[in-house]
Amino acid sequence: MNMYVANLSFHTQDEDLKKLFAEYGSVSSAKVITDRETNKSRGFGFVEMESDAEAKEAIKGLNNKEIEGRALSVSIAKERPARTSNKRW
């Protein structure tokens, strides 16, 4: 299950996010989203866990939990809509 994690500290790295969620089970991937130009954190990321049950426990345990002075917002990630091409031929 893929989860959206918002309100991260701007110092949080991928590995920090992975360790935080690993307390609840097996983490497939953890990615803090960064700005393309500055490479600085945008304050949110995505975590994927192998088991839906573990992911639900992580959401329950970490949503609104204060980390580095910020209350995390953890929820199930929404599917990204398919991109449409705006190319003109």
PDB file of N, CA and C in Angstrom:
ATOM      1  N   MET A   1       0.855  -1.179   0.000  1.00  0.00           N
ATOM      2  CA  MET A   1       0.000   0.000   0.000  1.00  0.00           C
ATOM      3  C   MET A   1       0.899   1.239   0.000  1.00  0.00           C
ATOM      4  N   ASN A   2       0.554   2.196  -0.822  1.00  0.00           N
ATOM      5  CA  ASN A   2       1.311   3.436  -0.942  1.00  0.00           C
ATOM      6  C   ASN A   2       0.653   4.517  -0.079  1.00  0.00           C
ATOM      7  N   MET A   3       1.470   5.217   0.705  1.00  0.00           N
ATOM      8  CA  MET A   3       0.956   6.259   1.607  1.00  0.00           C
ATOM      9  C   MET A   3       1.584   7.610   1.296  1.00  0.00           C
ATOM     10  N   TYR A   4       0.805   8.641   1.504  1.00  0.00           N
ATOM     11  CA  TYR A   4       1.229  10.022   1.342  1.00  0.00           C
ATOM     12  C   TYR A   4       1.535  10.559   2.736  1.00  0.00           C
ATOM     13  N   VAL A   5       2.703  11.168   2.904  1.00  0.00           N
ATOM     14  CA  VAL A   5       3.115  11.712   4.201  1.00  0.00           C
ATOM     15  C   VAL A   5       3.389  13.201   4.025  1.00  0.00           C
ATOM     16  N   ALA A   6       2.604  14.033   4.717  1.00  0.00           N
ATOM     17  CA  ALA A   6       2.742  15.487   4.582  1.00  0.00           C
ATOM     18  C   ALA A   6       3.207  16.105   5.891  1.00  0.00           C
ATOM     19  N   ASN A   7       3.646  17.350   5.791  1.00  0.00           N
ATOM     20  CA  ASN A   7       4.111  18.156   6.919  1.00  0.00           C
ATOM     21  C   ASN A   7       5.408  17.613   7.526  1.00  0.00           C
ATOM     22  N   LEU A   8       6.271  17.097   6.648  1.00  0.00           N
ATOM     23  CA  LEU A   8       7.583  16.614   7.089  1.00  0.00           C
ATOM     24  C   LEU A   8       8.505  17.796   7.364  1.00  0.00           C
ATOM     25  N   SER A   9       9.432  17.589   8.281  1.00  0.00           N
ATOM     26  CA  SER A   9      10.478  18.577   8.503  1.00  0.00           C
ATOM     27  C   SER A   9      11.286  18.680   7.207  1.00  0.00           C
ATOM     28  N   PHE A  10      11.774  19.854   6.897  1.00  0.00           N
ATOM     29  CA  PHE A  10      12.539  20.038   5.663  1.00  0.00           C
ATOM     30  C   PHE A  10      13.919  19.387   5.742  1.00  0.00           C
ATOM     31  N   HIS A  11      14.272  18.857   6.922  1.00  0.00           N
ATOM     32  CA  HIS A  11      15.548  18.152   7.099  1.00  0.00           C
ATOM     33  C   HIS A  11      15.398  16.645   6.912  1.00  0.00           C
ATOM     34  N   THR A  12      14.165  16.161   6.797  1.00  0.00           N
ATOM     35  CA  THR A  12      13.917  14.720   6.683  1.00  0.00           C
ATOM     36  C   THR A  12      14.451  14.178   5.353  1.00  0.00           C
ATOM     37  N   GLN A  13      15.175  13.078   5.453  1.00  0.00           N
ATOM     38  CA  GLN A  13      15.741  12.402   4.280  1.00  0.00           C
ATOM     39  C   GLN A  13      14.975  11.095   4.043  1.00  0.00           C
ATOM     40  N   ASP A  14      15.183  10.482   2.873  1.00  0.00           N
ATOM     41  CA  ASP A  14      14.531   9.219   2.536  1.00  0.00           C
ATOM     42  C   ASP A  14      14.742   8.165   3.632  1.00  0.00           C
ATOM     43  N   GLU A  15      15.979   8.046   4.095  1.00  0.00           N
ATOM     44  CA  GLU A  15      16.325   7.032   5.095  1.00  0.00           C
ATOM     45  C   GLU A  15      15.606   7.283   6.427  1.00  0.00           C
ATOM     46  N   ASP A  16      15.447   8.553   6.804  1.00  0.00           N
ATOM     47  CA  ASP A  16      14.720   8.893   8.034  1.00  0.00           C
ATOM     48  C   ASP A  16      13.270   8.424   7.932  1.00  0.00           C
ATOM     49  N   LEU A  17      12.669   8.657   6.788  1.00  0.00           N
ATOM     50  CA  LEU A  17      11.280   8.277   6.548  1.00  0.00           C
ATOM     51  C   LEU A  17      11.138   6.751   6.604  1.00  0.00           C
ATOM     52  N   LYS A  18      12.088   6.063   6.004  1.00  0.00           N
ATOM     53  CA  LYS A  18      12.061   4.599   5.995  1.00  0.00           C
ATOM     54  C   LYS A  18      12.158   4.054   7.424  1.00  0.00           C
ATOM     55  N   LYS A  19      13.074   4.599   8.220  1.00  0.00           N
ATOM     56  CA  LYS A  19      13.239   4.141   9.607  1.00  0.00           C
ATOM     57  C   LYS A  19      11.973   4.379  10.426  1.00  0.00           C
ATOM     58  N   LEU A  20      11.348   5.520  10.224  1.00  0.00           N
ATOM     59  CA  LEU A  20      10.135   5.866  10.961  1.00  0.00           C
ATOM     60  C   LEU A  20       9.023   4.856  10.698  1.00  0.00           C
ATOM     61  N   PHE A  21       8.834   4.476   9.444  1.00  0.00           N
ATOM     62  CA  PHE A  21       7.768   3.553   9.085  1.00  0.00           C
ATOM     63  C   PHE A  21       8.153   2.095   9.323  1.00  0.00           C
ATOM     64  N   ALA A  22       9.446   1.789   9.374  1.00  0.00           N
ATOM     65  CA  ALA A  22       9.905   0.414   9.593  1.00  0.00           C
ATOM     66  C   ALA A  22       9.462  -0.123  10.950  1.00  0.00           C
ATOM     67  N   GLU A  23       9.141   0.762  11.887  1.00  0.00           N
ATOM     68  CA  GLU A  23       8.647   0.331  13.196  1.00  0.00           C
ATOM     69  C   GLU A  23       7.312  -0.402  13.068  1.00  0.00           C
ATOM     70  N   TYR A  24       6.617  -0.204  11.948  1.00  0.00           N
ATOM     71  CA  TYR A  24       5.293  -0.794  11.741  1.00  0.00           C
ATOM     72  C   TYR A  24       5.302  -1.965  10.777  1.00  0.00           C
ATOM     73  N   GLY A  25       6.443  -2.250  10.158  1.00  0.00           N
ATOM     74  CA  GLY A  25       6.520  -3.384   9.236  1.00  0.00           C
ATOM     75  C   GLY A  25       7.551  -3.165   8.146  1.00  0.00           C
ATOM     76  N   SER A  26       7.431  -3.952   7.112  1.00  0.00           N
ATOM     77  CA  SER A  26       8.394  -3.966   6.020  1.00  0.00           C
ATOM     78  C   SER A  26       8.113  -2.846   5.012  1.00  0.00           C
ATOM     79  N   VAL A  27       9.087  -1.958   4.854  1.00  0.00           N
ATOM     80  CA  VAL A  27       8.955  -0.809   3.953  1.00  0.00           C
ATOM     81  C   VAL A  27       9.578  -1.152   2.599  1.00  0.00           C
ATOM     82  N   SER A  28       8.772  -1.064   1.530  1.00  0.00           N
ATOM     83  CA  SER A  28       9.271  -1.333   0.178  1.00  0.00           C
ATOM     84  C   SER A  28      10.062  -0.144  -0.353  1.00  0.00           C
ATOM     85  N   SER A  29       9.535   1.073  -0.099  1.00  0.00           N
ATOM     86  CA  SER A  29      10.223   2.279  -0.555  1.00  0.00           C
ATOM     87  C   SER A  29       9.777   3.475   0.278  1.00  0.00           C
ATOM     88  N   ALA A  30      10.662   4.447   0.356  1.00  0.00           N
ATOM     89  CA  ALA A  30      10.369   5.695   1.065  1.00  0.00           C
ATOM     90  C   ALA A  30      11.071   6.815   0.301  1.00  0.00           C
ATOM     91  N   LYS A  31      10.313   7.837  -0.085  1.00  0.00           N
ATOM     92  CA  LYS A  31      10.873   8.909  -0.911  1.00  0.00           C
ATOM     93  C   LYS A  31      10.358  10.267  -0.448  1.00  0.00           C
ATOM     94  N   VAL A  32      11.283  11.150  -0.063  1.00  0.00           N
ATOM     95  CA  VAL A  32      10.948  12.532   0.240  1.00  0.00           C
ATOM     96  C   VAL A  32      11.020  13.282  -1.086  1.00  0.00           C
ATOM     97  N   ILE A  33       9.986  14.026  -1.405  1.00  0.00           N
ATOM     98  CA  ILE A  33       9.937  14.748  -2.681  1.00  0.00           C
ATOM     99  C   ILE A  33      10.724  16.053  -2.557  1.00  0.00           C
ATOM    100  N   THR A  34      11.573  16.298  -3.547  1.00  0.00           N
ATOM    101  CA  THR A  34      12.419  17.489  -3.534  1.00  0.00           C
ATOM    102  C   THR A  34      12.106  18.388  -4.732  1.00  0.00           C
ATOM    103  N   ASP A  35      12.449  19.656  -4.577  1.00  0.00           N
ATOM    104  CA  ASP A  35      12.292  20.633  -5.649  1.00  0.00           C
ATOM    105  C   ASP A  35      13.314  20.326  -6.738  1.00  0.00           C
ATOM    106  N   ARG A  36      12.894  20.345  -7.983  1.00  0.00           N
ATOM    107  CA  ARG A  36      13.796  20.010  -9.091  1.00  0.00           C
ATOM    108  C   ARG A  36      14.969  20.972  -9.219  1.00  0.00           C
ATOM    109  N   GLU A  37      14.731  22.241  -8.957  1.00  0.00           N
ATOM    110  CA  GLU A  37      15.774  23.245  -9.156  1.00  0.00           C
ATOM    111  C   GLU A  37      16.712  23.371  -7.964  1.00  0.00           C
ATOM    112  N   THR A  38      16.172  23.370  -6.747  1.00  0.00           N
ATOM    113  CA  THR A  38      17.002  23.588  -5.558  1.00  0.00           C
ATOM    114  C   THR A  38      17.417  22.296  -4.875  1.00  0.00           C
ATOM    115  N   ASN A  39      16.751  21.185  -5.205  1.00  0.00           N
ATOM    116  CA  ASN A  39      16.982  19.884  -4.588  1.00  0.00           C
ATOM    117  C   ASN A  39      16.666  19.869  -3.087  1.00  0.00           C
ATOM    118  N   LYS A  40      15.901  20.856  -2.614  1.00  0.00           N
ATOM    119  CA  LYS A  40      15.499  20.905  -1.209  1.00  0.00           C
ATOM    120  C   LYS A  40      14.151  20.218  -1.050  1.00  0.00           C
ATOM    121  N   SER A  41      13.924  19.676   0.150  1.00  0.00           N
ATOM    122  CA  SER A  41      12.677  18.982   0.438  1.00  0.00           C
ATOM    123  C   SER A  41      11.481  19.904   0.250  1.00  0.00           C
ATOM    124  N   ARG A  42      10.387  19.339  -0.256  1.00  0.00           N
ATOM    125  CA  ARG A  42       9.140  20.093  -0.400  1.00  0.00           C
ATOM    126  C   ARG A  42       8.218  19.844   0.788  1.00  0.00           C
ATOM    127  N   GLY A  43       8.672  19.036   1.766  1.00  0.00           N
ATOM    128  CA  GLY A  43       7.906  18.828   2.994  1.00  0.00           C
ATOM    129  C   GLY A  43       6.897  17.697   2.928  1.00  0.00           C
ATOM    130  N   PHE A  44       6.980  16.869   1.889  1.00  0.00           N
ATOM    131  CA  PHE A  44       6.097  15.710   1.821  1.00  0.00           C
ATOM    132  C   PHE A  44       6.809  14.568   1.113  1.00  0.00           C
ATOM    133  N   GLY A  45       6.228  13.376   1.225  1.00  0.00           N
ATOM    134  CA  GLY A  45       6.833  12.224   0.578  1.00  0.00           C
ATOM    135  C   GLY A  45       5.857  11.072   0.473  1.00  0.00           C
ATOM    136  N   PHE A  46       6.380   9.945   0.017  1.00  0.00           N
ATOM    137  CA  PHE A  46       5.568   8.747  -0.161  1.00  0.00           C
ATOM    138  C   PHE A  46       6.299   7.557   0.435  1.00  0.00           C
ATOM    139  N   VAL A  47       5.532   6.684   1.073  1.00  0.00           N
ATOM    140  CA  VAL A  47       6.081   5.457   1.648  1.00  0.00           C
ATOM    141  C   VAL A  47       5.220   4.304   1.166  1.00  0.00           C
ATOM    142  N   GLU A  48       5.875   3.241   0.719  1.00  0.00           N
ATOM    143  CA  GLU A  48       5.142   2.050   0.301  1.00  0.00           C
ATOM    144  C   GLU A  48       5.522   0.900   1.225  1.00  0.00           C
ATOM    145  N   MET A  49       4.490   0.248   1.761  1.00  0.00           N
ATOM    146  CA  MET A  49       4.703  -0.902   2.638  1.00  0.00           C
ATOM    147  C   MET A  49       4.164  -2.145   1.953  1.00  0.00           C
ATOM    148  N   GLU A  50       4.782  -3.286   2.250  1.00  0.00           N
ATOM    149  CA  GLU A  50       4.420  -4.529   1.580  1.00  0.00           C
ATOM    150  C   GLU A  50       3.031  -5.022   1.968  1.00  0.00           C
ATOM    151  N   SER A  51       2.637  -4.805   3.214  1.00  0.00           N
ATOM    152  CA  SER A  51       1.356  -5.318   3.690  1.00  0.00           C
ATOM    153  C   SER A  51       0.370  -4.185   3.955  1.00  0.00           C
ATOM    154  N   ASP A  52      -0.860  -4.361   3.495  1.00  0.00           N
ATOM    155  CA  ASP A  52      -1.904  -3.364   3.761  1.00  0.00           C
ATOM    156  C   ASP A  52      -2.170  -3.235   5.253  1.00  0.00           C
ATOM    157  N   ALA A  53      -2.119  -4.345   5.978  1.00  0.00           N
ATOM    158  CA  ALA A  53      -2.373  -4.320   7.423  1.00  0.00           C
ATOM    159  C   ALA A  53      -1.303  -3.494   8.137  1.00  0.00           C
ATOM    160  N   GLU A  54      -0.043  -3.671   7.736  1.00  0.00           N
ATOM    161  CA  GLU A  54       1.047  -2.892   8.336  1.00  0.00           C
ATOM    162  C   GLU A  54       0.897  -1.415   7.998  1.00  0.00           C
ATOM    163  N   ALA A  55       0.514  -1.136   6.765  1.00  0.00           N
ATOM    164  CA  ALA A  55       0.332   0.252   6.342  1.00  0.00           C
ATOM    165  C   ALA A  55      -0.776   0.920   7.153  1.00  0.00           C
ATOM    166  N   LYS A  56      -1.870   0.206   7.363  1.00  0.00           N
ATOM    167  CA  LYS A  56      -2.975   0.765   8.152  1.00  0.00           C
ATOM    168  C   LYS A  56      -2.543   1.039   9.586  1.00  0.00           C
ATOM    169  N   GLU A  57      -1.713   0.160  10.150  1.00  0.00           N
ATOM    170  CA  GLU A  57      -1.184   0.374  11.505  1.00  0.00           C
ATOM    171  C   GLU A  57      -0.264   1.597  11.528  1.00  0.00           C
ATOM    172  N   ALA A  58       0.537   1.750  10.492  1.00  0.00           N
ATOM    173  CA  ALA A  58       1.435   2.904  10.396  1.00  0.00           C
ATOM    174  C   ALA A  58       0.634   4.202  10.312  1.00  0.00           C
ATOM    175  N   ILE A  59      -0.431   4.189   9.522  1.00  0.00           N
ATOM    176  CA  ILE A  59      -1.283   5.383   9.406  1.00  0.00           C
ATOM    177  C   ILE A  59      -1.877   5.710  10.766  1.00  0.00           C
ATOM    178  N   LYS A  60      -2.400   4.684  11.444  1.00  0.00           N
ATOM    179  CA  LYS A  60      -3.008   4.881  12.760  1.00  0.00           C
ATOM    180  C   LYS A  60      -1.982   5.415  13.772  1.00  0.00           C
ATOM    181  N   GLY A  61      -0.769   4.865  13.718  1.00  0.00           N
ATOM    182  CA  GLY A  61       0.258   5.239  14.683  1.00  0.00           C
ATOM    183  C   GLY A  61       0.965   6.555  14.406  1.00  0.00           C
ATOM    184  N   LEU A  62       1.065   6.926  13.136  1.00  0.00           N
ATOM    185  CA  LEU A  62       1.866   8.104  12.789  1.00  0.00           C
ATOM    186  C   LEU A  62       1.065   9.338  12.390  1.00  0.00           C
ATOM    187  N   ASN A  63      -0.191   9.181  12.005  1.00  0.00           N
ATOM    188  CA  ASN A  63      -0.993  10.347  11.633  1.00  0.00           C
ATOM    189  C   ASN A  63      -1.166  11.253  12.856  1.00  0.00           C
ATOM    190  N   ASN A  64      -0.855  12.512  12.702  1.00  0.00           N
ATOM    191  CA  ASN A  64      -0.895  13.540  13.757  1.00  0.00           C
ATOM    192  C   ASN A  64       0.205  13.396  14.806  1.00  0.00           C
ATOM    193  N   LYS A  65       1.142  12.462  14.609  1.00  0.00           N
ATOM    194  CA  LYS A  65       2.263  12.318  15.538  1.00  0.00           C
ATOM    195  C   LYS A  65       3.256  13.451  15.286  1.00  0.00           C
ATOM    196  N   GLU A  66       3.733  14.043  16.368  1.00  0.00           N
ATOM    197  CA  GLU A  66       4.673  15.155  16.229  1.00  0.00           C
ATOM    198  C   GLU A  66       6.094  14.627  16.071  1.00  0.00           C
ATOM    199  N   ILE A  67       6.719  15.003  14.971  1.00  0.00           N
ATOM    200  CA  ILE A  67       8.103  14.643  14.670  1.00  0.00           C
ATOM    201  C   ILE A  67       8.835  15.933  14.331  1.00  0.00           C
ATOM    202  N   GLU A  68       9.907  16.211  15.063  1.00  0.00           N
ATOM    203  CA  GLU A  68      10.692  17.437  14.872  1.00  0.00           C
ATOM    204  C   GLU A  68       9.812  18.684  14.917  1.00  0.00           C
ATOM    205  N   GLY A  69       8.849  18.685  15.842  1.00  0.00           N
ATOM    206  CA  GLY A  69       8.005  19.859  16.037  1.00  0.00           C
ATOM    207  C   GLY A  69       6.889  20.033  15.024  1.00  0.00           C
ATOM    208  N   ARG A  70       6.667  19.015  14.177  1.00  0.00           N
ATOM    209  CA  ARG A  70       5.620  19.105  13.157  1.00  0.00           C
ATOM    210  C   ARG A  70       4.715  17.887  13.254  1.00  0.00           C
ATOM    211  N   ALA A  71       3.405  18.113  13.207  1.00  0.00           N
ATOM    212  CA  ALA A  71       2.435  17.015  13.253  1.00  0.00           C
ATOM    213  C   ALA A  71       2.292  16.417  11.859  1.00  0.00           C
ATOM    214  N   LEU A  72       2.698  15.158  11.719  1.00  0.00           N
ATOM    215  CA  LEU A  72       2.620  14.497  10.418  1.00  0.00           C
ATOM    216  C   LEU A  72       1.176  14.262  10.004  1.00  0.00           C
ATOM    217  N   SER A  73       0.961  14.269   8.716  1.00  0.00           N
ATOM    218  CA  SER A  73      -0.321  13.892   8.146  1.00  0.00           C
ATOM    219  C   SER A  73      -0.048  12.691   7.254  1.00  0.00           C
ATOM    220  N   VAL A  74      -0.595  11.529   7.627  1.00  0.00           N
ATOM    221  CA  VAL A  74      -0.336  10.292   6.896  1.00  0.00           C
ATOM    222  C   VAL A  74      -1.667   9.733   6.401  1.00  0.00           C
ATOM    223  N   SER A  75      -1.741   9.442   5.108  1.00  0.00           N
ATOM    224  CA  SER A  75      -2.969   8.895   4.532  1.00  0.00           C
ATOM    225  C   SER A  75      -2.623   7.996   3.353  1.00  0.00           C
ATOM    226  N   ILE A  76      -3.630   7.268   2.878  1.00  0.00           N
ATOM    227  CA  ILE A  76      -3.439   6.433   1.695  1.00  0.00           C
ATOM    228  C   ILE A  76      -3.255   7.366   0.499  1.00  0.00           C
ATOM    229  N   ALA A  77      -2.232   7.099  -0.294  1.00  0.00           N
ATOM    230  CA  ALA A  77      -1.953   7.940  -1.466  1.00  0.00           C
ATOM    231  C   ALA A  77      -3.026   7.731  -2.522  1.00  0.00           C
ATOM    232  N   LYS A  78      -3.431   8.816  -3.148  1.00  0.00           N
ATOM    233  CA  LYS A  78      -4.400   8.745  -4.241  1.00  0.00           C
ATOM    234  C   LYS A  78      -3.664   8.421  -5.528  1.00  0.00           C
ATOM    235  N   GLU A  79      -4.331   7.675  -6.387  1.00  0.00           N
ATOM    236  CA  GLU A  79      -3.733   7.361  -7.687  1.00  0.00           C
ATOM    237  C   GLU A  79      -3.606   8.640  -8.496  1.00  0.00           C
ATOM    238  N   ARG A  80      -2.511   8.764  -9.182  1.00  0.00           N
ATOM    239  CA  ARG A  80      -2.262   9.921 -10.023  1.00  0.00           C
ATOM    240  C   ARG A  80      -3.053   9.779 -11.317  1.00  0.00           C
ATOM    241  N   PRO A  81      -3.801  10.802 -11.709  1.00  0.00           N
ATOM    242  CA  PRO A  81      -4.545  10.689 -12.964  1.00  0.00           C
ATOM    243  C   PRO A  81      -3.580  10.605 -14.150  1.00  0.00           C
ATOM    244  N   ALA A  82      -3.981   9.911 -15.169  1.00  0.00           N
ATOM    245  CA  ALA A  82      -3.145   9.778 -16.362  1.00  0.00           C
ATOM    246  C   ALA A  82      -2.939  11.155 -16.988  1.00  0.00           C
ATOM    247  N   ARG A  83      -1.710  11.409 -17.392  1.00  0.00           N
ATOM    248  CA  ARG A  83      -1.404  12.694 -18.020  1.00  0.00           C
ATOM    249  C   ARG A  83      -1.875  12.675 -19.456  1.00  0.00           C
ATOM    250  N   THR A  84      -2.405  13.798 -19.872  1.00  0.00           N
ATOM    251  CA  THR A  84      -2.797  13.928 -21.278  1.00  0.00           C
ATOM    252  C   THR A  84      -1.774  14.787 -21.979  1.00  0.00           C
ATOM    253  N   SER A  85      -1.519  14.476 -23.184  1.00  0.00           N
ATOM    254  CA  SER A  85      -0.534  15.216 -23.955  1.00  0.00           C
ATOM    255  C   SER A  85      -1.168  16.497 -24.516  1.00  0.00           C
ATOM    256  N   ASN A  86      -0.469  17.593 -24.374  1.00  0.00           N
ATOM    257  CA  ASN A  86      -0.943  18.863 -24.919  1.00  0.00           C
ATOM    258  C   ASN A  86      -0.160  19.263 -26.169  1.00  0.00           C
ATOM    259  N   LYS A  87       0.500  18.292 -26.763  1.00  0.00           N
ATOM    260  CA  LYS A  87       1.292  18.589 -27.961  1.00  0.00           C
ATOM    261  C   LYS A  87       0.359  18.916 -29.120  1.00  0.00           C
ATOM    262  N   ARG A  88       0.779  19.877 -29.890  1.00  0.00           N
ATOM    263  CA  ARG A  88       0.016  20.222 -31.089  1.00  0.00           C
ATOM    264  C   ARG A  88       0.844  19.838 -32.295  1.00  0.00           C
ATOM    265  N   TRP A  89       0.248  19.084 -33.151  1.00  0.00           N
ATOM    266  CA  TRP A  89       0.981  18.617 -34.326  1.00  0.00           C
ATOM    267  C   TRP A  89       0.795  19.520 -35.438  1.00  0.00           C
TER     268      TRP A  89
END
